[in-house]
Protein backbone atom coordinates (compact mmCIF):
# COMPACT_ATOMS: atom_id res chain seq x y z
CA MET A 1 79.28 176.62 90.37
CA LYS A 2 77.35 179.83 91.31
CA VAL A 3 76.39 181.89 88.52
CA LEU A 4 75.44 185.37 88.93
CA ILE A 5 72.67 186.83 86.27
CA THR A 6 72.06 190.73 86.31
CA GLY A 7 69.00 191.47 84.65
CA SER A 8 67.52 188.35 85.68
CA LYS A 9 63.93 189.04 84.88
CA GLY A 10 64.75 190.51 81.48
CA PHE A 11 64.29 189.19 77.96
CA ILE A 12 67.46 187.37 78.09
CA GLY A 13 68.03 186.75 81.54
CA LYS A 14 64.59 184.58 81.83
CA ASN A 15 65.64 182.41 78.62
CA LEU A 16 69.00 182.03 80.36
CA ILE A 17 67.65 181.28 83.80
CA SER A 18 65.28 178.78 82.26
CA THR A 19 67.93 176.70 80.38
CA LEU A 20 70.83 176.88 83.68
CA GLU A 21 67.67 175.76 85.81
CA ARG A 22 68.11 172.05 84.38
CA ALA A 23 71.82 172.27 84.44
CA LYS A 24 73.70 170.23 87.09
CA GLY A 25 76.12 171.54 89.46
CA VAL A 26 74.69 175.16 88.68
CA GLU A 27 73.40 177.58 91.39
CA ILE A 28 71.89 180.79 89.83
CA LEU A 29 72.03 184.05 91.88
CA PRO A 30 69.55 186.22 90.25
CA TYR A 31 69.80 190.17 90.40
CA ASP A 32 67.15 192.63 88.84
CA ILE A 33 65.70 196.07 89.60
CA ASP A 34 63.79 194.91 92.35
CA THR A 35 66.46 192.72 93.96
CA ASN A 36 67.53 194.04 97.15
CA PRO A 37 71.26 195.92 96.39
CA ALA A 38 72.79 194.42 99.50
CA SER A 39 72.42 191.19 97.44
CA LEU A 40 74.61 192.40 94.87
CA ASP A 41 77.41 192.58 97.68
CA ILE A 42 76.91 189.20 98.72
CA TYR A 43 76.76 187.57 94.92
CA THR A 44 79.77 189.07 93.73
CA LYS A 45 81.80 187.70 96.59
CA GLU A 46 80.43 184.12 96.15
CA CYS A 47 80.18 183.98 92.41
CA ASP A 48 82.01 181.80 89.97
CA PHE A 49 80.91 183.03 86.76
CA VAL A 50 78.89 186.49 85.84
CA PHE A 51 76.30 187.33 83.28
CA HIS A 52 75.90 190.89 83.29
CA LEU A 53 72.54 191.41 80.95
CA ALA A 54 71.11 194.37 83.08
CA GLY A 55 70.32 197.35 80.99
CA VAL A 56 68.26 200.46 79.78
CA ASN A 57 66.83 200.37 76.49
CA ARG A 58 64.07 203.00 76.74
CA PRO A 59 64.04 205.01 79.82
CA ASN A 60 61.83 207.89 80.87
CA GLU A 61 64.74 210.04 81.10
CA GLN A 62 67.77 210.29 79.09
CA PHE A 63 70.48 210.23 81.85
CA GLU A 64 69.08 207.02 82.94
CA PHE A 65 70.84 205.16 79.88
CA ILE A 66 74.21 206.29 81.59
CA GLU A 67 72.79 205.18 84.96
CA GLY A 68 71.77 201.83 83.83
CA ASN A 69 74.17 200.73 81.09
CA PHE A 70 77.21 202.15 82.93
CA GLY A 71 76.42 202.79 86.41
CA LEU A 72 75.26 199.59 87.07
CA THR A 73 78.60 197.93 85.37
CA LEU A 74 80.85 200.35 87.59
CA THR A 75 78.90 199.10 90.82
CA LEU A 76 79.38 195.19 89.69
CA LEU A 77 82.74 195.43 88.75
CA ASP A 78 83.95 197.56 91.93
CA ALA A 79 82.20 194.77 93.92
CA LEU A 80 83.95 192.09 92.42
CA LYS A 81 87.51 194.27 92.82
CA LYS A 82 86.45 194.49 96.33
CA TYR A 83 86.65 190.90 97.13
CA ASN A 84 89.19 190.03 94.34
CA ASN A 85 86.92 188.00 92.31
CA ILE A 86 88.23 187.66 88.97
CA CYS A 87 85.83 185.35 87.85
CA PRO A 88 84.59 185.67 84.05
CA VAL A 89 82.19 188.48 83.12
CA VAL A 90 80.01 188.22 80.15
CA ILE A 91 78.35 191.71 79.21
CA SER A 92 75.52 192.03 76.65
CA SER A 93 76.13 194.99 74.85
CA SER A 94 74.74 196.31 71.62
CA THR A 95 75.80 196.62 68.05
CA GLN A 96 74.77 200.43 68.43
CA ALA A 97 77.78 200.70 70.61
CA VAL A 98 79.65 202.10 67.40
CA LEU A 99 76.42 204.78 66.82
CA ASP A 100 76.82 208.55 67.96
CA ASN A 101 73.58 208.15 70.22
CA LEU A 102 72.88 208.18 73.91
CA TYR A 103 72.07 204.67 74.12
CA GLY A 104 75.08 203.66 71.86
CA LYS A 105 77.40 206.16 74.02
CA SER A 106 76.13 204.43 77.03
CA LYS A 107 76.88 200.84 75.87
CA LYS A 108 80.22 201.82 74.86
CA ALA A 109 80.89 203.22 78.13
CA GLY A 110 80.29 200.19 79.64
CA GLU A 111 82.37 197.93 77.12
CA ASP A 112 85.31 200.47 78.05
CA LEU A 113 84.71 199.93 81.65
CA LEU A 114 84.95 195.92 80.99
CA PHE A 115 88.01 196.41 79.04
CA ALA A 116 89.81 198.46 81.73
CA TYR A 117 88.63 196.25 84.25
CA ALA A 118 90.19 193.14 82.13
CA LYS A 119 93.40 194.96 81.90
CA GLU A 120 93.67 195.88 85.77
CA THR A 121 92.71 192.64 87.42
CA GLY A 122 93.44 190.13 84.27
CA ALA A 123 90.06 188.75 84.80
CA LYS A 124 88.37 187.08 81.56
CA VAL A 125 85.73 189.28 80.14
CA LEU A 126 83.57 188.44 77.10
CA ILE A 127 81.60 191.52 75.29
CA TYR A 128 78.62 190.59 72.81
CA ARG A 129 77.68 193.39 70.62
CA LEU A 130 74.03 192.21 70.04
CA PRO A 131 71.89 193.17 66.96
CA ASN A 132 68.12 192.85 67.50
CA VAL A 133 67.29 189.81 69.51
CA PHE A 134 63.82 188.24 68.97
CA GLY A 135 62.01 185.23 70.72
CA LYS A 136 59.38 184.25 73.23
CA TRP A 137 59.01 186.05 76.37
CA CYS A 138 60.45 189.81 74.86
CA ARG A 139 58.61 192.91 75.73
CA PRO A 140 56.33 194.28 73.19
CA ASN A 141 56.08 198.07 72.55
CA TYR A 142 59.45 198.34 74.06
CA ASN A 143 62.53 197.73 72.43
CA SER A 144 61.73 195.17 69.75
CA ALA A 145 59.93 195.65 66.59
CA VAL A 146 59.53 192.05 65.98
CA ALA A 147 57.76 191.50 69.63
CA THR A 148 55.59 194.51 68.80
CA PHE A 149 54.26 193.27 65.37
CA CYS A 150 53.80 189.71 66.48
CA ASN A 151 51.87 190.92 69.39
CA ASN A 152 49.98 193.48 67.39
CA ILE A 153 49.34 191.07 64.56
CA ALA A 154 48.63 188.16 66.96
CA ASN A 155 45.88 190.44 68.90
CA ASP A 156 44.20 192.17 65.78
CA LEU A 157 45.97 195.41 66.78
CA PRO A 158 47.46 197.65 64.15
CA ILE A 159 50.93 198.17 63.36
CA THR A 160 53.44 200.77 62.22
CA ALA A 161 56.01 200.16 59.53
CA ASN A 162 56.80 203.38 58.23
CA ASP A 163 59.96 202.35 55.87
CA ARG A 164 59.46 198.77 54.64
CA SER A 165 62.98 199.01 53.17
CA VAL A 166 64.71 199.16 56.45
CA VAL A 167 67.27 196.51 56.59
CA MET A 168 67.47 194.75 59.75
CA ASN A 169 70.03 192.16 61.45
CA LEU A 170 68.52 189.86 64.26
CA VAL A 171 69.45 186.85 66.18
CA TYR A 172 67.19 184.53 67.66
CA ILE A 173 66.98 184.02 71.48
CA ASP A 174 67.75 180.16 71.70
CA ASP A 175 70.92 180.85 69.58
CA VAL A 176 71.92 183.72 72.03
CA ILE A 177 71.18 181.19 75.04
CA GLU A 178 73.42 178.61 73.12
CA GLU A 179 76.13 181.05 73.03
CA LEU A 180 75.65 182.02 76.25
CA ILE A 181 76.12 178.69 77.69
CA ASN A 182 79.20 178.04 75.34
CA ALA A 183 80.62 181.17 76.78
CA LEU A 184 80.04 179.44 80.18
CA ASN A 185 81.86 176.34 79.16
CA GLY A 186 84.51 178.45 78.04
CA LYS A 187 83.81 177.83 74.14
CA GLU A 188 82.81 181.44 73.15
CA ASN A 189 82.73 182.33 69.47
CA SER A 190 85.33 185.34 69.83
CA VAL A 191 86.18 187.55 66.96
CA GLY A 192 88.81 189.80 67.96
CA ASP A 193 88.07 192.11 71.08
CA PHE A 194 84.53 190.80 70.90
CA CYS A 195 82.28 187.63 70.88
CA LYS A 196 79.13 187.22 68.56
CA VAL A 197 76.27 184.84 68.03
CA PRO A 198 77.16 182.60 65.09
CA VAL A 199 73.74 183.26 63.41
CA VAL A 200 72.53 186.02 62.28
CA TYR A 201 69.55 186.91 59.77
CA THR A 202 69.38 189.99 57.79
CA ILE A 203 65.87 190.76 56.43
CA THR A 204 63.64 193.97 55.64
CA LEU A 205 61.00 195.25 57.85
CA GLY A 206 58.41 194.73 55.31
CA GLU A 207 59.26 190.86 54.75
CA ILE A 208 59.08 190.44 58.28
CA VAL A 209 55.68 192.33 58.40
CA ASP A 210 54.44 190.34 55.71
CA LEU A 211 55.53 187.05 57.17
CA ILE A 212 53.93 187.27 60.33
CA TYR A 213 50.82 188.38 58.68
CA SER A 214 51.22 185.10 56.86
CA PHE A 215 51.26 183.25 59.95
CA LYS A 216 48.00 184.74 60.90
CA ARG A 217 46.25 183.94 57.61
CA SER A 218 47.43 180.44 57.60
CA ARG A 219 44.62 179.48 60.20
CA GLU A 220 42.44 180.27 57.63
CA ASP A 221 43.86 178.60 54.22
CA CYS A 222 45.35 175.65 56.51
CA SER A 223 48.73 176.51 55.40
CA ILE A 224 51.82 175.61 56.95
CA PRO A 225 54.94 178.22 56.80
CA ASP A 226 58.25 176.87 55.01
CA MET A 227 59.82 175.08 57.95
CA SER A 228 62.94 174.46 55.86
CA ASN A 229 63.87 178.27 56.06
CA GLU A 230 65.34 178.61 59.68
CA PHE A 231 64.41 182.51 60.03
CA THR A 232 60.53 181.84 59.18
CA LYS A 233 60.59 178.53 61.37
CA LYS A 234 61.97 180.77 64.56
CA LEU A 235 59.80 183.80 63.69
CA TYR A 236 56.83 181.40 63.53
CA SER A 237 57.61 179.96 66.56
CA THR A 238 57.64 183.36 67.89
CA TYR A 239 54.66 184.56 66.90
CA LEU A 240 52.84 181.89 68.27
CA SER A 241 54.03 182.89 71.66
CA TYR A 242 52.32 185.93 71.61
CA LEU A 243 48.70 184.47 70.93
CA PRO A 244 46.20 185.61 73.09
CA LYS A 245 45.07 182.94 76.06
CA ASN A 246 41.39 182.49 74.62
CA LYS A 247 42.94 181.99 70.84
CA PHE A 248 45.25 179.07 71.17
CA SER A 249 42.51 177.06 69.32
CA TYR A 250 40.82 177.83 65.69
CA LYS A 251 37.98 176.06 63.67
CA LEU A 252 38.56 174.23 60.82
CA ILE A 253 35.55 173.80 58.07
CA MET A 254 34.10 170.30 58.10
CA ASN A 255 32.32 169.04 55.03
CA VAL A 256 29.54 166.83 56.64
CA ASP A 257 27.18 164.73 55.03
CA ASN A 258 25.12 161.32 56.11
CA ARG A 259 28.37 159.35 55.44
CA GLY A 260 30.41 161.24 57.81
CA SER A 261 32.74 164.14 57.37
CA PHE A 262 36.03 165.32 55.37
CA THR A 263 38.30 168.07 56.96
CA GLU A 264 41.25 169.53 55.40
CA PHE A 265 44.01 169.85 58.44
CA ILE A 266 46.99 171.17 56.83
CA LYS A 267 48.22 172.40 53.31
CA THR A 268 51.85 172.85 52.15
CA SER A 269 52.94 174.27 49.00
CA ASP A 270 55.63 171.65 48.69
CA ARG A 271 54.63 168.48 50.78
CA GLY A 272 51.01 168.24 50.02
CA GLN A 273 48.32 168.23 52.40
CA VAL A 274 46.49 166.36 55.48
CA SER A 275 43.11 165.90 55.93
CA VAL A 276 40.98 163.74 58.60
CA ASN A 277 38.28 161.69 57.19
CA ILE A 278 35.39 160.45 59.42
CA SER A 279 33.21 157.64 58.15
CA LYS A 280 29.87 156.49 59.72
CA PRO A 281 29.36 152.56 60.30
CA GLY A 282 28.74 150.37 57.17
CA ILE A 283 30.14 153.20 54.86
CA ALA A 284 32.22 153.14 51.94
CA LYS A 285 34.00 156.25 50.52
CA GLY A 286 36.36 156.54 47.56
CA ASN A 287 35.95 154.65 44.47
CA HIS A 288 38.06 156.36 42.17
CA TRP A 289 41.25 156.60 41.12
CA HIS A 290 44.53 159.17 40.20
CA HIS A 291 46.85 159.82 37.34
CA SER A 292 49.58 161.13 39.49
CA LYS A 293 48.30 161.87 42.47
CA ASN A 294 49.19 159.76 45.50
CA GLU A 295 48.11 159.28 48.85
CA LYS A 296 48.49 157.64 52.33
CA PHE A 297 45.78 156.59 54.61
CA LEU A 298 46.12 155.95 58.54
CA VAL A 299 42.98 154.68 60.40
CA VAL A 300 43.39 155.86 63.92
CA SER A 301 40.09 154.79 65.51
CA GLY A 302 37.68 152.16 64.18
CA ARG A 303 38.54 148.98 61.81
CA GLY A 304 37.95 148.86 58.06
CA VAL A 305 39.15 147.58 54.71
CA ILE A 306 40.81 149.39 52.07
CA ARG A 307 40.02 147.79 48.79
CA PHE A 308 42.15 148.33 45.37
CA ARG A 309 41.87 147.37 41.89
CA LYS A 310 44.20 148.39 39.12
CA VAL A 311 42.56 150.01 36.15
CA GLY A 312 41.99 147.39 33.55
CA SER A 313 42.40 144.45 36.03
CA ASP A 314 39.80 142.41 37.48
CA GLU A 315 42.04 141.52 40.66
CA ILE A 316 40.74 143.30 44.13
CA ILE A 317 43.00 143.79 46.65
CA GLU A 318 42.45 144.30 50.09
CA TYR A 319 43.96 145.64 53.25
CA TYR A 320 42.23 145.56 56.71
CA VAL A 321 42.98 148.50 59.13
CA SER A 322 42.48 149.09 62.54
CA GLY A 323 42.94 151.86 65.20
CA ASP A 324 44.41 148.91 67.56
CA LYS A 325 47.28 148.53 65.09
CA LEU A 326 48.67 151.67 63.34
CA GLU A 327 49.54 150.93 59.69
CA VAL A 328 50.20 153.14 56.76
CA VAL A 329 48.48 152.14 53.74
CA ASP A 330 49.99 153.72 50.15
CA ILE A 331 47.41 154.38 47.74
CA PRO A 332 49.01 154.11 44.38
CA ALA A 333 48.53 156.10 41.26
CA GLY A 334 46.52 153.97 38.66
CA PHE A 335 44.49 152.11 41.41
CA THR A 336 40.78 152.77 41.80
CA HIS A 337 40.41 152.43 45.67
CA ASN A 338 37.76 152.77 48.66
CA ILE A 339 37.99 152.61 52.36
CA GLU A 340 35.11 151.19 53.95
CA ASN A 341 33.89 151.37 58.03
CA LEU A 342 33.43 147.68 59.16
CA SER A 343 32.98 148.84 62.95
CA ASN A 344 30.08 149.93 64.49
CA THR A 345 31.40 153.26 65.28
CA ASP A 346 32.98 156.12 63.45
CA MET A 347 35.96 155.18 61.89
CA VAL A 348 38.46 157.86 61.65
CA THR A 349 41.07 158.19 59.11
CA ILE A 350 44.20 160.43 58.31
CA MET A 351 44.98 161.23 54.78
CA TRP A 352 47.91 162.67 53.48
CA ALA A 353 47.95 163.69 49.52
CA ASN A 354 51.04 164.45 47.69
CA GLU A 355 49.59 167.46 46.50
CA CYS A 356 46.92 170.15 47.53
CA PHE A 357 43.55 169.66 46.03
CA ASN A 358 43.12 171.90 42.81
CA PRO A 359 39.25 172.06 41.99
CA GLU A 360 40.67 172.75 38.52
CA LYS A 361 42.85 169.76 38.10
CA PRO A 362 41.39 167.42 40.36
CA ASP A 363 43.24 164.19 38.89
CA THR A 364 40.29 162.47 40.18
CA TYR A 365 38.17 159.83 37.97
CA TYR A 366 35.10 157.87 39.35
CA MET A 367 35.35 154.13 39.02
CA GLU A 368 33.77 151.37 41.48
CA VAL A 369 36.29 149.22 42.84
């Protein structure tokens, strides 16, 4: 199948192509502003499906709205008619097509061309009135507030949010691409004369800004955003894609002494925290117990022993652990415990606790095993 994609170097186009490149039996015919115009004539003769994603969002001159959103559509459809190619055509329109502005009017004009073309030729046309689209590879400081905010906050640049109460409707790029692939396979989500992406997020501008700033702070407080919230999860992925190339990494605070080190890695509000413990050879750490706090220990390098003794009992329980055989050991409440490095090199242990450490309520009581 030969698939013509206009706007192939744009935000949606790049994401669509990166997916279709992995599909068997699909040949991509890319067309963008810098493509030889003669190629469009060749492509419209050969193609079996069209994704018309090209458009103008922020032109230098107002007339470019009509030229880009109406003119190219007209040229595309005329070329298809020239070769009597009535393959399906998908066009990315905008929810602004119902608004009284030049951009909306140009999008509406493009839609009307598609409807007339379908009536004239019998070709299948699918019109997607997309709201704001966000995700990786979207151009900041152009037509996406989300892209601009993610880019600027990630790069320590100022942002402007004039009205935090403005309500935004957004769709995520991966959801858009999934829907476009469904359309390619004849399984589009149509509602009346138009098609739509099933998942739309409604959120205020202020909430978006606050979330993105919280992503930035998460490196300082070791927190992780609420990944059970689909919008938050997708926005966080988007934010990370705008990190400057020299800031992919960030430092953690290592608590170091002569026994080794203890470093908090990840903290969550509802899933506890993860830390990294490094013990020097012959060193035993712990010798304490908890009323309710529980932990999981995973030795990933070196070898050692984890000892337990139930409070009020004399019986000592031992679990020998090694990075050569990964095994998680649960640390139940009510058992004093320690972990000793039996190797001649540093022993590294990943430790999970069911709650973040609270110095005001540590729930930790010293007692030798």
